[in-house]
Amino acid sequence: MKSKVPGIIAIVIALGLIATGIIVKRTLNMPQYLIIFHTLGGLLLVTGISLLFLSRQGKE
């Protein structure tokens, strides 16, 4: 993959998941959803960052 778009999309979705977990925890007072959303968001964030590095290495 020589494009940065998949990595950027993954990072944006990951940040959205993390923010959703924080909002759900504060409004509904359900900390278990914070753990779920943060876990999914963290995994997707790592995936997005690794996709960005892979796309950068493909150009060299």
N, C-alpha and C. Protein backbone atom coordinates (compact mmCIF):
# COMPACT_ATOMS: atom_id res chain seq x y z
N MET A 1 0.84 -1.18 0.00
CA MET A 1 0.00 0.00 0.00
C MET A 1 0.88 1.24 0.00
N LYS A 2 0.72 2.05 -1.00
CA LYS A 2 1.55 3.24 -1.09
C LYS A 2 0.78 4.50 -0.69
N SER A 3 -0.44 4.34 -0.25
CA SER A 3 -1.25 5.50 0.11
C SER A 3 -1.32 5.63 1.63
N LYS A 4 -1.40 6.87 2.09
CA LYS A 4 -1.52 7.12 3.53
C LYS A 4 -2.97 7.13 3.99
N VAL A 5 -3.91 7.07 3.04
CA VAL A 5 -5.32 7.23 3.39
C VAL A 5 -5.82 6.15 4.35
N PRO A 6 -5.53 4.85 4.15
CA PRO A 6 -6.04 3.86 5.12
C PRO A 6 -5.53 4.08 6.54
N GLY A 7 -4.28 4.49 6.69
CA GLY A 7 -3.75 4.75 8.02
C GLY A 7 -4.41 5.94 8.68
N ILE A 8 -4.64 6.99 7.91
CA ILE A 8 -5.29 8.18 8.46
C ILE A 8 -6.73 7.88 8.84
N ILE A 9 -7.44 7.12 8.00
CA ILE A 9 -8.82 6.75 8.31
C ILE A 9 -8.87 5.90 9.58
N ALA A 10 -7.94 4.96 9.73
CA ALA A 10 -7.91 4.12 10.93
C ALA A 10 -7.65 4.95 12.18
N ILE A 11 -6.76 5.93 12.09
CA ILE A 11 -6.46 6.77 13.25
C ILE A 11 -7.67 7.63 13.63
N VAL A 12 -8.37 8.18 12.64
CA VAL A 12 -9.55 9.01 12.91
C VAL A 12 -10.65 8.17 13.56
N ILE A 13 -10.89 6.97 13.04
CA ILE A 13 -11.91 6.10 13.63
C ILE A 13 -11.52 5.70 15.05
N ALA A 14 -10.22 5.44 15.27
CA ALA A 14 -9.75 5.07 16.61
C ALA A 14 -9.97 6.19 17.60
N LEU A 15 -9.65 7.41 17.21
CA LEU A 15 -9.87 8.55 18.11
C LEU A 15 -11.36 8.75 18.38
N GLY A 16 -12.19 8.49 17.37
CA GLY A 16 -13.64 8.56 17.56
C GLY A 16 -14.13 7.51 18.55
N LEU A 17 -13.58 6.29 18.47
CA LEU A 17 -13.97 5.24 19.42
C LEU A 17 -13.56 5.60 20.84
N ILE A 18 -12.36 6.14 21.00
CA ILE A 18 -11.90 6.51 22.34
C ILE A 18 -12.77 7.64 22.90
N ALA A 19 -13.09 8.63 22.07
CA ALA A 19 -13.96 9.72 22.52
C ALA A 19 -15.35 9.22 22.86
N THR A 20 -15.87 8.27 22.06
CA THR A 20 -17.19 7.71 22.34
C THR A 20 -17.19 6.99 23.68
N GLY A 21 -16.12 6.27 23.98
CA GLY A 21 -16.04 5.59 25.28
C GLY A 21 -16.06 6.57 26.43
N ILE A 22 -15.35 7.69 26.29
CA ILE A 22 -15.34 8.70 27.35
C ILE A 22 -16.72 9.32 27.52
N ILE A 23 -17.38 9.63 26.40
CA ILE A 23 -18.72 10.23 26.47
C ILE A 23 -19.72 9.28 27.10
N VAL A 24 -19.69 8.00 26.70
CA VAL A 24 -20.62 7.02 27.26
C VAL A 24 -20.38 6.85 28.76
N LYS A 25 -19.12 6.83 29.17
CA LYS A 25 -18.82 6.68 30.60
C LYS A 25 -19.34 7.87 31.40
N ARG A 26 -19.17 9.06 30.86
CA ARG A 26 -19.60 10.25 31.62
C ARG A 26 -21.12 10.41 31.64
N THR A 27 -21.78 10.11 30.52
CA THR A 27 -23.23 10.34 30.46
C THR A 27 -24.02 9.19 31.08
N LEU A 28 -23.63 7.95 30.79
CA LEU A 28 -24.40 6.81 31.27
C LEU A 28 -23.81 6.17 32.53
N ASN A 29 -22.62 6.62 32.93
CA ASN A 29 -21.93 6.09 34.11
C ASN A 29 -21.75 4.57 34.01
N MET A 30 -21.25 4.13 32.84
CA MET A 30 -21.00 2.70 32.61
C MET A 30 -19.52 2.52 32.25
N PRO A 31 -18.67 2.26 33.23
CA PRO A 31 -17.23 2.18 32.94
C PRO A 31 -16.83 0.98 32.08
N GLN A 32 -17.68 -0.06 32.01
CA GLN A 32 -17.30 -1.22 31.20
C GLN A 32 -17.25 -0.85 29.72
N TYR A 33 -18.07 0.09 29.28
CA TYR A 33 -18.01 0.53 27.88
C TYR A 33 -16.75 1.34 27.61
N LEU A 34 -16.26 2.05 28.61
CA LEU A 34 -15.00 2.78 28.46
C LEU A 34 -13.87 1.81 28.16
N ILE A 35 -13.85 0.69 28.87
CA ILE A 35 -12.80 -0.32 28.65
C ILE A 35 -12.92 -0.90 27.25
N ILE A 36 -14.14 -1.22 26.82
CA ILE A 36 -14.35 -1.82 25.50
C ILE A 36 -13.94 -0.85 24.40
N PHE A 37 -14.43 0.39 24.47
CA PHE A 37 -14.13 1.36 23.42
C PHE A 37 -12.65 1.74 23.41
N HIS A 38 -12.03 1.83 24.59
CA HIS A 38 -10.61 2.17 24.64
C HIS A 38 -9.75 1.03 24.10
N THR A 39 -10.16 -0.21 24.36
CA THR A 39 -9.41 -1.35 23.83
C THR A 39 -9.49 -1.38 22.31
N LEU A 40 -10.70 -1.26 21.78
CA LEU A 40 -10.87 -1.26 20.32
C LEU A 40 -10.18 -0.06 19.69
N GLY A 41 -10.33 1.10 20.30
CA GLY A 41 -9.69 2.30 19.78
C GLY A 41 -8.17 2.22 19.82
N GLY A 42 -7.63 1.66 20.89
CA GLY A 42 -6.18 1.50 20.99
C GLY A 42 -5.62 0.55 19.95
N LEU A 43 -6.31 -0.56 19.73
CA LEU A 43 -5.87 -1.50 18.70
C LEU A 43 -5.92 -0.87 17.32
N LEU A 44 -6.99 -0.14 17.05
CA LEU A 44 -7.12 0.50 15.74
C LEU A 44 -6.10 1.62 15.58
N LEU A 45 -5.78 2.31 16.66
CA LEU A 45 -4.77 3.37 16.61
C LEU A 45 -3.39 2.79 16.27
N VAL A 46 -3.05 1.68 16.89
CA VAL A 46 -1.77 1.03 16.58
C VAL A 46 -1.76 0.55 15.13
N THR A 47 -2.90 0.02 14.67
CA THR A 47 -2.99 -0.42 13.27
C THR A 47 -2.81 0.74 12.31
N GLY A 48 -3.45 1.87 12.61
CA GLY A 48 -3.33 3.04 11.74
C GLY A 48 -1.92 3.59 11.69
N ILE A 49 -1.26 3.63 12.84
CA ILE A 49 0.12 4.12 12.86
C ILE A 49 1.04 3.18 12.09
N SER A 50 0.83 1.88 12.24
CA SER A 50 1.67 0.94 11.49
C SER A 50 1.39 1.02 10.00
N LEU A 51 0.15 1.28 9.61
CA LEU A 51 -0.15 1.47 8.18
C LEU A 51 0.54 2.71 7.64
N LEU A 52 0.60 3.77 8.44
CA LEU A 52 1.32 4.96 8.00
C LEU A 52 2.81 4.69 7.81
N PHE A 53 3.40 3.93 8.74
CA PHE A 53 4.82 3.60 8.60
C PHE A 53 5.06 2.70 7.40
N LEU A 54 4.15 1.76 7.15
CA LEU A 54 4.30 0.88 5.99
C LEU A 54 4.19 1.66 4.69
N SER A 55 3.28 2.63 4.66
CA SER A 55 3.14 3.43 3.43
C SER A 55 4.36 4.31 3.23
N ARG A 56 4.97 4.77 4.32
CA ARG A 56 6.17 5.60 4.19
C ARG A 56 7.36 4.76 3.72
N GLN A 57 7.47 3.53 4.19
CA GLN A 57 8.56 2.67 3.77
C GLN A 57 8.40 2.25 2.31
N GLY A 58 7.16 2.16 1.84
CA GLY A 58 6.93 1.76 0.45
C GLY A 58 7.40 2.80 -0.54
N LYS A 59 7.46 4.06 -0.12
CA LYS A 59 7.88 5.14 -1.02
C LYS A 59 9.39 5.23 -1.15
N GLU A 60 10.12 4.71 -0.18
CA GLU A 60 11.59 4.82 -0.21
C GLU A 60 12.20 3.80 -1.15
